[in-house]
Protein backbone atom coordinates (compact mmCIF):
# COMPACT_ATOMS: atom_id res chain seq x y z
CA MET A 1 -4.25 -16.26 24.27
CA GLU A 2 -1.25 -17.89 24.47
CA ARG A 3 1.81 -16.55 26.49
CA LYS A 4 4.98 -17.76 27.11
CA ASP A 5 6.55 -16.58 29.99
CA GLY A 6 3.91 -13.91 30.26
CA TYR A 7 4.66 -12.40 26.69
CA VAL A 8 2.10 -12.85 23.72
CA VAL A 9 3.63 -15.31 21.16
CA ASP A 10 0.57 -16.17 18.91
CA ILE A 11 0.63 -13.19 16.66
CA GLU A 12 3.69 -12.15 15.53
CA TYR A 13 5.27 -8.39 16.14
CA VAL A 14 5.62 -5.41 13.69
CA HIS A 15 8.41 -5.29 11.62
CA GLY A 16 10.27 -2.22 12.10
CA VAL A 17 13.53 -0.69 12.46
CA HIS A 18 14.57 1.56 15.87
CA ARG A 19 17.22 3.79 14.56
CA ASP A 20 18.12 5.25 17.89
CA LEU A 21 19.41 1.31 18.19
CA GLY A 22 22.18 2.05 15.91
CA PRO A 23 25.72 2.12 17.31
CA SER A 24 26.41 5.34 15.12
CA ALA A 25 23.13 7.06 16.41
CA LEU A 26 24.20 5.78 19.79
CA ASN A 27 27.95 7.19 19.77
CA VAL A 28 26.31 11.08 19.11
CA ILE A 29 24.17 10.82 21.95
CA LEU A 30 27.60 9.75 24.29
CA LEU A 31 28.86 12.85 22.22
CA ILE A 32 26.55 15.39 23.34
CA GLN A 33 26.85 14.05 26.81
CA ASN A 34 30.65 14.39 27.21
CA ILE A 35 31.69 10.45 26.88
CA ASP A 36 33.99 9.17 24.75
CA PRO A 37 32.44 7.61 21.91
CA VAL A 38 32.78 3.76 20.93
CA ALA A 39 35.65 3.17 18.36
CA LEU A 40 33.28 1.78 15.82
CA GLN A 41 36.35 1.47 13.31
CA ASP A 42 38.58 -0.68 15.39
CA GLY A 43 35.76 -3.47 15.72
CA PHE A 44 33.11 -4.05 18.20
CA THR A 45 30.11 -6.79 19.64
CA TYR A 46 26.25 -5.84 19.94
CA CYS A 47 23.59 -7.54 21.39
CA ASP A 48 20.03 -6.83 20.88
CA VAL A 49 17.86 -8.73 23.64
CA GLY A 50 14.12 -9.30 22.67
CA CYS A 51 14.82 -8.60 19.07
CA GLY A 52 11.67 -9.03 17.81
CA GLN A 53 11.63 -9.16 13.71
CA GLY A 54 15.19 -8.42 14.11
CA ASP A 55 14.67 -5.84 11.22
CA SER A 56 17.18 -3.47 13.29
CA VAL A 57 19.97 -5.99 14.04
CA ASN A 58 20.15 -7.04 10.49
CA LEU A 59 19.70 -3.59 9.19
CA PHE A 60 22.75 -2.22 11.63
CA ALA A 61 25.15 -5.59 10.63
CA ALA A 62 24.69 -4.42 7.03
CA CYS A 63 25.76 -0.69 8.17
CA HIS A 64 28.61 -1.98 10.19
CA PRO A 65 30.51 -4.88 8.81
CA GLU A 66 33.58 -4.33 11.15
CA GLY A 67 31.06 -5.23 13.84
CA GLU A 68 29.95 -8.21 15.77
CA PHE A 69 25.37 -8.46 15.73
CA HIS A 70 24.15 -11.26 18.45
CA ALA A 71 20.17 -10.92 18.73
CA ILE A 72 18.03 -13.01 21.20
CA ASP A 73 14.46 -13.58 20.85
CA PHE A 74 11.80 -16.51 22.06
CA ASN A 75 9.32 -16.35 20.04
CA ALA A 76 10.62 -18.84 16.94
CA VAL A 77 8.96 -17.38 14.18
CA HIS A 78 10.78 -14.29 14.53
CA ILE A 79 13.76 -15.69 14.46
CA ALA A 80 13.61 -17.66 12.41
CA GLY A 81 12.45 -14.94 9.93
CA ALA A 82 15.25 -12.75 10.88
CA ARG A 83 17.84 -15.79 10.12
CA ARG A 84 16.31 -15.95 6.75
CA LEU A 85 16.60 -12.25 5.91
CA ALA A 86 20.56 -12.05 6.89
CA GLY A 87 20.97 -15.27 4.58
CA GLN A 88 19.58 -13.73 2.12
CA ALA A 89 21.31 -10.24 2.04
CA GLY A 90 24.80 -12.42 2.71
CA LEU A 91 25.26 -11.16 6.49
CA ALA A 92 27.69 -13.10 7.73
CA ASN A 93 27.90 -10.71 10.80
CA SER A 94 24.55 -11.31 12.06
CA THR A 95 23.54 -13.99 14.57
CA PHE A 96 19.97 -14.99 15.43
CA TRP A 97 19.14 -17.21 19.08
CA GLU A 98 16.09 -18.58 20.33
CA ALA A 99 15.92 -18.52 24.23
CA ASN A 100 14.17 -17.59 27.08
CA PHE A 101 15.46 -14.93 29.57
CA ALA A 102 16.51 -17.39 31.70
CA ASP A 103 18.63 -19.09 28.73
CA LEU A 104 20.79 -16.38 28.71
CA GLY A 105 23.92 -17.06 31.04
CA GLY A 106 24.19 -20.16 29.12
CA LEU A 107 24.31 -19.42 26.01
CA PRO A 108 27.92 -19.12 24.08
CA LEU A 109 28.24 -15.41 23.35
CA PRO A 110 31.14 -13.06 23.56
CA ALA A 111 31.13 -9.95 26.21
CA PHE A 112 29.55 -7.14 24.42
CA ASP A 113 30.52 -3.03 23.38
CA PHE A 114 27.02 -2.26 23.29
CA ILE A 115 23.44 -4.10 24.97
CA VAL A 116 20.28 -2.42 23.93
CA MET A 117 16.50 -3.43 24.68
CA HIS A 118 13.77 -1.84 23.41
CA GLY A 119 10.03 -2.72 24.40
CA VAL A 120 11.35 -5.41 26.87
CA TYR A 121 11.88 -4.14 30.32
CA SER A 122 8.03 -2.77 31.08
CA TRP A 123 6.49 -6.04 29.27
CA VAL A 124 8.58 -9.06 31.48
CA GLY A 125 7.86 -10.38 34.95
CA GLY A 126 10.42 -9.77 37.57
CA GLU A 127 12.27 -12.93 37.55
CA ALA A 128 12.79 -11.95 33.51
CA ARG A 129 14.27 -8.56 34.36
CA ARG A 130 16.71 -10.44 37.32
CA HIS A 131 18.20 -12.53 34.25
CA ILE A 132 18.47 -9.39 32.15
CA LEU A 133 20.07 -7.58 34.67
CA GLU A 134 22.35 -10.92 35.56
CA PHE A 135 23.46 -10.63 31.77
CA ILE A 136 24.33 -7.26 31.68
CA ARG A 137 26.31 -7.56 34.78
CA THR A 138 28.24 -10.31 32.96
CA LYS A 139 28.62 -9.64 29.82
CA LEU A 140 28.93 -6.13 29.40
CA LYS A 141 32.55 -4.88 28.49
CA PRO A 142 34.42 -2.19 30.44
CA GLY A 143 33.31 0.75 29.28
CA GLY A 144 30.33 -1.04 27.70
CA VAL A 145 26.93 1.03 26.65
CA VAL A 146 23.39 -0.26 27.83
CA TYR A 147 20.47 1.24 25.82
CA LEU A 148 17.00 0.28 27.97
CA SER A 149 13.36 1.97 27.08
CA TYR A 150 10.73 1.35 29.32
CA ASN A 151 7.23 2.87 30.07
CA SER A 152 7.43 5.65 32.84
CA LEU A 153 5.71 7.23 35.73
CA PRO A 154 3.82 9.37 36.20
CA GLY A 155 3.33 9.40 32.60
CA TRP A 156 1.16 6.46 32.17
CA SER A 157 -0.62 7.24 35.59
CA ALA A 158 -3.94 8.83 33.61
CA HIS A 159 -3.90 5.84 31.17
CA ALA A 160 -2.88 2.87 32.77
CA PRO A 161 -6.53 2.06 33.90
CA LEU A 162 -7.32 1.98 30.37
CA ARG A 163 -4.55 -1.13 29.50
CA GLU A 164 -6.27 -2.72 32.35
CA LEU A 165 -9.69 -2.74 31.38
CA LEU A 166 -9.02 -3.31 27.87
CA LEU A 167 -6.72 -6.86 28.86
CA SER A 168 -9.42 -7.75 31.77
CA TYR A 169 -11.96 -7.76 28.77
CA ALA A 170 -10.14 -9.56 26.14
CA ASP A 171 -9.27 -12.61 28.99
CA THR A 172 -13.05 -13.22 29.07
CA GLN A 173 -13.21 -13.20 25.41
CA SER A 174 -12.91 -16.62 22.99
CA GLY A 175 -11.57 -16.60 19.61
CA SER A 176 -8.00 -15.50 18.31
CA LEU A 177 -5.94 -12.60 19.70
CA GLU A 178 -6.46 -10.62 16.83
CA GLN A 179 -10.91 -10.70 17.83
CA ARG A 180 -10.33 -10.74 21.25
CA ILE A 181 -8.62 -7.40 20.66
CA ASP A 182 -11.12 -6.10 18.54
CA ALA A 183 -13.59 -7.31 20.86
CA ALA A 184 -11.97 -5.42 24.23
CA VAL A 185 -11.56 -2.17 21.71
CA GLU A 186 -15.22 -2.34 21.05
CA PHE A 187 -16.43 -2.61 24.17
CA VAL A 188 -14.19 0.19 25.79
CA LYS A 189 -15.44 2.37 22.44
CA ARG A 190 -19.36 2.10 24.34
CA LEU A 191 -18.18 2.99 27.85
CA LYS A 192 -16.25 6.06 26.20
CA ASN A 193 -19.80 7.20 24.25
CA ALA A 194 -21.55 6.05 27.15
CA HIS A 195 -19.21 9.07 29.18
CA ALA A 196 -17.29 6.27 31.53
CA ALA A 197 -15.77 8.52 34.33
CA ILE A 198 -11.77 7.18 32.61
CA PHE A 199 -12.30 9.03 29.98
CA GLU A 200 -14.09 12.08 31.30
CA ALA A 201 -11.88 12.57 34.46
CA ALA A 202 -8.89 12.71 32.03
CA SER A 203 -9.48 13.91 28.28
CA SER A 204 -6.09 13.22 27.22
CA THR A 205 -6.92 9.43 28.04
CA GLY A 206 -10.33 9.70 25.18
CA GLU A 207 -7.20 11.11 23.04
CA PHE A 208 -4.78 8.35 23.72
CA PHE A 209 -7.55 5.77 23.21
CA GLU A 210 -8.22 7.31 19.89
CA TYR A 211 -5.03 6.91 18.61
CA MET A 212 -4.54 3.40 20.28
CA CYS A 213 -7.55 2.69 17.74
CA THR A 214 -5.61 3.66 14.26
CA LEU A 215 -2.43 1.09 15.70
CA PRO A 216 -1.65 -2.21 13.74
CA ARG A 217 -3.79 -4.97 16.10
CA ASN A 218 -0.09 -7.09 16.36
CA TYR A 219 1.46 -3.67 17.47
CA LEU A 220 -1.43 -3.71 19.98
CA ALA A 221 -0.96 -7.28 21.16
CA HIS A 222 2.35 -6.95 22.25
CA GLU A 223 2.20 -3.52 23.16
CA PHE A 224 -0.84 -3.64 25.62
CA PHE A 225 -2.29 -7.72 25.85
CA ASN A 226 0.63 -9.21 27.60
CA ARG A 227 0.50 -10.71 31.19
CA ASP A 228 3.57 -8.58 32.77
CA TRP A 229 2.88 -4.54 32.07
CA ASP A 230 5.18 -2.56 34.47
CA LEU A 231 5.60 1.19 34.74
CA PHE A 232 8.61 2.39 36.47
CA TYR A 233 9.57 5.79 37.79
CA HIS A 234 13.39 6.90 36.57
CA ALA A 235 14.99 6.31 39.77
CA ASP A 236 13.94 2.73 40.28
CA VAL A 237 15.52 1.85 36.99
CA VAL A 238 18.65 3.46 37.88
CA ARG A 239 18.67 1.49 41.35
CA ASP A 240 17.66 -1.83 39.21
CA LEU A 241 21.07 -1.18 36.98
CA ALA A 242 23.10 -0.06 39.49
CA GLY A 243 22.83 -3.40 40.84
CA ALA A 244 24.31 -4.67 37.23
CA ASP A 245 27.38 -2.19 37.77
CA VAL A 246 26.16 0.33 34.81
CA ALA A 247 25.29 4.23 36.09
CA PHE A 248 22.83 6.17 34.86
CA THR A 249 24.33 8.54 31.39
CA GLY A 250 21.37 10.34 29.65
CA SER A 251 18.49 9.72 27.95
CA ALA A 252 18.94 8.19 24.87
CA SER A 253 16.89 10.50 22.47
CA PHE A 254 18.56 13.47 20.80
CA VAL A 255 15.68 15.86 21.77
CA GLU A 256 15.19 14.79 25.16
CA ASN A 257 18.79 15.97 25.82
CA GLN A 258 17.62 19.29 24.46
CA ASP A 259 16.09 21.26 27.50
CA MET A 260 15.51 24.62 25.28
CA LEU A 261 12.81 22.35 23.17
CA ARG A 262 10.93 20.47 25.99
CA PHE A 263 11.16 23.16 28.71
CA SER A 264 9.57 26.36 29.13
CA GLU A 265 12.23 29.39 30.43
CA ALA A 266 10.07 29.02 34.08
CA GLN A 267 10.38 25.18 33.85
CA GLN A 268 13.99 25.19 32.97
CA GLN A 269 15.03 27.52 35.86
CA ILE A 270 13.42 24.94 37.96
CA LEU A 271 15.37 22.28 36.48
CA ASN A 272 18.34 24.02 36.96
CA ASP A 273 17.88 24.34 40.70
CA VAL A 274 17.67 20.40 40.75
CA THR A 275 21.60 19.25 41.12
CA ASP A 276 20.95 15.44 41.77
CA LYS A 277 20.84 13.92 38.59
CA VAL A 278 18.24 11.07 38.55
CA LEU A 279 15.62 13.26 40.64
CA ARG A 280 16.20 15.88 37.98
CA GLU A 281 15.12 13.07 35.03
CA THR A 282 11.96 12.52 37.64
CA VAL A 283 11.03 16.45 37.64
CA LYS A 284 11.37 16.37 33.94
CA ASP A 285 9.14 12.87 33.14
CA SER A 286 6.95 15.08 36.08
CA VAL A 287 6.85 17.77 33.73
CA VAL A 288 6.38 16.55 30.29
CA ASN A 289 4.52 13.42 31.54
CA LEU A 290 6.43 10.99 29.46
CA LEU A 291 5.17 7.73 28.66
CA LEU A 292 8.25 5.97 27.27
CA ARG A 293 11.63 6.46 28.65
CA ARG A 294 14.54 5.47 26.66
CA ASP A 295 17.84 5.75 28.90
CA LEU A 296 21.86 5.31 28.21
CA PHE A 297 23.95 3.44 31.04
CA THR A 298 27.37 2.89 30.68
CA ARG A 299 30.16 0.82 32.87
CA GLY A 300 32.73 3.24 33.96
CA ARG A 301 33.20 4.92 30.13
CA ALA A 302 35.57 7.94 30.02
CA ARG A 303 34.37 11.53 29.94
CA MET A 304 35.91 13.94 27.49
CA ASP A 305 37.19 17.34 27.64
CA SER A 306 34.95 20.25 26.09
CA ALA A 307 36.96 21.11 24.24
CA VAL A 308 37.55 17.42 22.44
CA GLN A 309 33.51 17.21 22.08
CA LEU A 310 33.90 20.90 20.25
CA GLU A 311 36.17 19.51 17.84
CA TYR A 312 34.95 15.96 17.42
CA PHE A 313 31.02 17.63 16.82
CA LEU A 314 32.60 20.09 14.43
CA THR A 315 34.04 17.54 11.98
CA ARG A 316 30.70 15.34 12.70
CA ARG A 317 29.09 14.98 9.08
CA PHE A 318 25.65 15.30 8.58
CA ALA A 319 23.70 14.38 5.96
CA MET A 320 19.54 15.94 5.11
CA VAL A 321 16.96 12.89 5.55
CA VAL A 322 13.95 14.53 4.14
CA PRO A 323 13.84 16.21 0.28
CA LEU A 324 14.32 19.86 0.74
CA ALA A 325 10.81 20.44 -1.32
CA HIS A 326 9.12 18.78 1.31
CA LEU A 327 10.67 20.30 4.59
CA GLU A 328 8.68 22.90 5.96
CA ARG A 329 11.06 25.81 8.05
CA LYS A 330 9.36 24.92 11.14
CA ALA A 331 9.27 22.05 13.45
CA LEU A 332 7.55 20.62 16.57
CA PHE A 333 8.90 19.93 19.58
CA PRO A 334 7.65 19.53 23.13
CA ILE A 335 7.95 23.16 24.11
CA GLY A 336 5.89 23.65 20.68
CA GLU A 337 6.17 25.06 17.54
CA VAL A 338 9.67 26.19 16.66
CA LEU A 339 9.60 28.48 13.22
CA PHE A 340 13.38 28.82 11.34
CA ASP A 341 14.91 31.58 10.89
CA ARG A 342 15.27 32.01 7.34
CA ASN A 343 18.40 33.82 7.58
CA LEU A 344 20.16 30.89 9.01
CA TYR A 345 18.38 27.58 8.11
CA ASP A 346 18.21 28.29 4.23
CA PRO A 347 22.08 28.66 3.77
CA ILE A 348 22.25 25.93 5.78
CA LEU A 349 19.50 23.45 3.94
CA SER A 350 21.06 24.59 0.66
CA ALA A 351 24.35 23.14 1.52
CA PHE A 352 22.91 19.89 3.09
CA GLU A 353 20.84 19.67 -0.27
CA LEU A 354 24.06 19.35 -1.90
CA LYS A 355 25.81 16.76 0.17
CA PRO A 356 26.26 15.79 3.19
CA GLN A 357 28.31 18.30 5.92
CA SER A 358 30.17 18.71 8.59
CA ALA A 359 29.39 21.92 10.65
CA GLU A 360 33.43 22.96 10.14
CA GLU A 361 32.63 22.40 6.57
CA LEU A 362 29.11 24.78 6.61
CA LEU A 363 31.14 27.14 8.20
CA GLN A 364 33.46 28.00 5.30
CA CYS A 365 30.53 29.37 3.33
CA PRO A 366 30.53 32.91 4.07
CA LYS A 367 26.53 33.68 4.68
CA ILE A 368 26.97 30.83 6.90
CA ARG A 369 30.08 31.71 8.55
CA GLU A 370 28.35 35.56 9.41
CA GLN A 371 25.77 34.00 11.24
CA GLY A 372 28.48 32.68 13.92
CA MET A 373 29.68 29.23 14.98
CA ALA A 374 27.09 29.09 18.18
CA ARG A 375 24.07 30.16 15.76
CA VAL A 376 24.83 27.53 13.46
CA LEU A 377 25.89 25.00 15.92
CA GLU A 378 22.46 25.86 18.08
CA ALA A 379 20.72 25.25 14.38
CA LEU A 380 22.40 21.63 13.80
CA ILE A 381 21.29 20.81 16.76
CA VAL A 382 17.25 21.94 15.97
CA LEU A 383 17.45 20.05 12.34
CA LEU A 384 19.06 16.51 14.75
CA ALA A 385 16.35 16.87 16.95
CA ALA A 386 13.85 17.56 14.39
CA GLU A 387 15.32 14.43 12.43
CA TYR A 388 15.44 16.66 8.88
CA VAL A 389 19.35 15.69 9.36
CA MET A 390 20.89 12.43 10.79
CA PRO A 391 24.90 11.58 11.47
CA ALA A 392 26.52 10.67 8.35
CA VAL A 393 29.70 8.88 7.22
CA GLU A 394 31.50 8.51 3.60
CA PRO A 395 30.98 4.74 2.97
CA PRO A 396 33.64 2.54 1.59
CA LEU A 397 32.56 0.43 -1.73
CA HIS A 398 32.11 -2.58 0.62
CA LEU A 399 29.21 -0.86 2.90
CA VAL A 400 27.55 0.26 -0.21
CA MET A 401 27.58 -3.63 -1.61
CA ALA A 402 26.24 -4.79 2.16
CA THR A 403 23.51 -2.42 2.59
CA GLY A 404 22.54 -2.45 -1.23
CA LYS A 405 22.07 -6.76 -0.70
CA LEU A 406 20.29 -6.33 2.56
CA ASN A 407 17.87 -3.66 0.89
CA ARG A 408 17.46 -5.90 -2.59
CA ALA A 409 16.10 -8.29 0.31
CA LEU A 410 13.81 -5.88 1.99
CA LEU A 411 12.69 -5.04 -1.46
CA GLU A 412 11.16 -8.40 -2.35
CA ARG A 413 10.32 -9.25 1.10
CA ASP A 414 8.27 -6.49 1.69
CA LEU A 415 6.12 -6.58 -1.69
CA ASP A 416 3.14 -7.34 -0.26
CA ASN A 417 3.28 -4.43 2.87
CA SER A 418 1.66 -0.94 1.36
CA GLY A 419 2.90 1.20 4.59
CA ALA A 420 6.37 2.72 4.62
CA ARG A 421 9.13 0.27 5.45
CA CYS A 422 13.04 0.61 6.13
CA LEU A 423 15.71 0.86 3.87
CA ALA A 424 19.78 0.63 4.86
CA SER A 425 21.51 3.74 4.04
CA PRO A 426 25.50 3.32 3.93
CA VAL A 427 25.73 6.93 4.72
CA LEU A 428 23.30 7.15 7.84
CA GLN A 429 24.62 3.70 9.08
CA ASN A 430 21.23 4.08 9.58
CA ALA A 431 17.63 3.53 8.30
CA ILE A 432 15.14 5.52 6.20
CA LYS A 433 11.89 5.13 5.84
CA VAL A 434 10.45 4.85 2.04
CA GLU A 435 6.70 4.73 0.97
CA TRP A 436 5.46 1.55 -0.60
CA LEU A 437 5.58 3.30 -4.67
CA GLU A 438 9.03 4.69 -3.61
CA ARG A 439 9.82 0.83 -3.24
CA LEU A 440 8.56 0.03 -6.17
CA LEU A 441 10.42 2.83 -8.17
CA ILE A 442 13.66 1.66 -6.19
CA LEU A 443 13.06 -2.03 -7.02
CA CYS A 444 12.15 -0.67 -10.72
CA GLU A 445 15.52 1.49 -11.31
CA ILE A 446 17.84 -1.59 -9.38
CA GLU A 447 16.50 -4.21 -11.89
CA GLY A 448 16.92 -2.03 -14.84
CA HIS A 449 13.04 -1.46 -16.35
CA PRO A 450 12.73 0.97 -18.92
CA ASP A 451 9.42 1.60 -18.69
CA SER A 452 8.22 2.78 -14.71
CA LEU A 453 5.05 3.67 -15.14
CA SER A 454 4.21 -0.48 -16.84
CA PHE A 455 6.40 -1.86 -13.62
CA VAL A 456 4.45 -0.23 -10.90
CA ARG A 457 1.04 -1.10 -12.55
CA GLU A 458 2.07 -4.56 -12.77
CA LYS A 459 3.26 -4.91 -8.97
CA MET A 460 0.05 -3.07 -8.23
CA GLU A 461 -2.12 -5.88 -9.55
CA THR A 462 -0.02 -8.54 -8.60
CA HIS A 463 0.30 -7.63 -5.10
CA LEU A 464 -3.25 -5.92 -4.89
CA HIS A 465 -2.36 -2.46 -4.32
CA THR A 466 -4.67 0.42 -4.88
CA LEU A 467 -4.04 3.99 -5.12
CA ASN A 468 -5.43 6.46 -2.99
CA ASN A 469 -5.91 10.37 -4.13
CA ASN A 470 -7.32 12.77 -0.86
CA GLY A 471 -8.92 9.70 0.40
CA THR A 472 -10.30 8.43 -2.53
CA ILE A 473 -9.27 5.04 -4.21
CA LEU A 474 -8.88 5.59 -7.98
CA GLN A 475 -10.60 2.97 -9.66
CA GLU A 476 -10.52 4.19 -13.67
CA PRO A 477 -7.22 3.01 -15.62
CA GLU A 478 -6.71 6.55 -17.02
CA GLU A 479 -6.97 7.83 -13.69
CA ILE A 480 -4.69 5.56 -12.10
CA ARG A 481 -2.26 5.96 -15.13
CA SER A 482 -2.83 9.99 -14.91
CA GLU A 483 -2.04 9.93 -11.12
CA LEU A 484 0.92 7.60 -11.49
CA SER A 485 2.57 9.61 -13.79
CA ILE A 486 2.20 13.08 -11.56
CA ARG A 487 3.89 10.63 -8.92
CA ILE A 488 6.77 9.01 -10.63
CA GLU A 489 7.91 12.38 -12.21
CA ALA A 490 7.97 13.74 -8.49
CA PHE A 491 10.18 10.79 -7.09
CA ARG A 492 12.28 11.04 -10.28
CA THR A 493 13.05 14.91 -9.46
CA CYS A 494 12.72 15.01 -5.24
CA MET A 495 12.90 12.07 -3.85
CA ALA A 496 15.45 10.09 -6.16
CA PRO A 497 18.40 12.98 -5.97
CA LEU A 498 18.21 12.37 -1.79
CA LEU A 499 18.11 8.63 -1.72
CA ARG A 500 21.26 8.65 -4.06
CA GLN A 501 23.02 10.97 -2.06
CA LEU A 502 22.10 8.69 1.05
CA GLY A 503 23.15 5.48 -0.85
CA ILE A 504 20.41 3.98 -1.58
CA LEU A 505 20.07 4.59 -5.24
């Protein structure tokens, strides 16, 4: 298989947007960590190192016309596609660079308020990591923010031999990378069926392998079949980043900042006795066996007074991102399933169904106010952690127009893809996943077609899409027509109002 600096390049990475990389999302994380958010409205600079297909950067550039976005990747195909999408969407504030990590220091780049790296640090070698750290040291502004994800220990301890086995077998095979991956997967399946000790000793390894088998081959290629694949304890990464003059502030995942949703009372009591911040994170990783850490670092960014933090959170708007009809009154977290108290959550969710709200606005409703501010704020935190609501703004017209143009380009680009894809919401300043039929109906409405059923049928036939009903692919034209009619009506009554509220329709 072809590798560049040890990294797979003969198969493209998957398309997708990582919502936690968004400037607004990162600001909310800073807020809950008592750190002053970046003043985005004043203009800011942002760099994605190892940007893959560049979908995240293009979407955030459309959502933040006030920002200057740069993205770097050494895969020429990725960069060409990202530039093409930026051109189609008319994005003048996103710039894509084809460069190796060794070339980072020579690029004519500004200093940055944000430097983000998702899926990079564990998947490149030590020399590349040294270039990355030097880039952070020299290019991050005072007060700047760094997002870094990496495969973490001890969570990967049980599964690491599985990856080594897959890679070693694939390297002995001939054919394309996809064929080598398929051969390796089939070989490991045989070992699992033969009760190899690697699976018998830890049942979670077998479960993880079964999950791997459901993933797209191009995702597996980039996740598991690079030459370099290093695992890190949190403390080691903190020491690395200290050499780049940045300090750990906390997890970049909202739910991972909520101990009440991750740990039992007994576990929380133990954690409360650990005063060292880095050791505390290591203990947390040992309790939950976290596989991927997403950490936030800053360079001398000011902390907020608690009263200012509360005021900021009370006035911050949030929007529902799941139709109320689809929203279960429960959510699954590391601690287990959390059931919603309907007396508390139902009036809050009903208010969000009407429009984006701040906690301050929610508390103006008597039914919500009688629950008390503390309970309302806790409910809002749970809804955020469950990704039922997300941070929101009231977008100006130029922002709505920028995201609309990007979404049109994305809808046309992804017509052949029958999976869920991300579109840009100017209200969220972030992405929302939309299924293929919903995307076709959005395109139908944008283009002003009067007969949505005929429009969808024509696109399905052109792009060879099938319709699945309870695991069965429908074949008869009348069955397809009947099922489509039901789904189109459901879209109009349930999903379309939400998409309008989020500025997508």
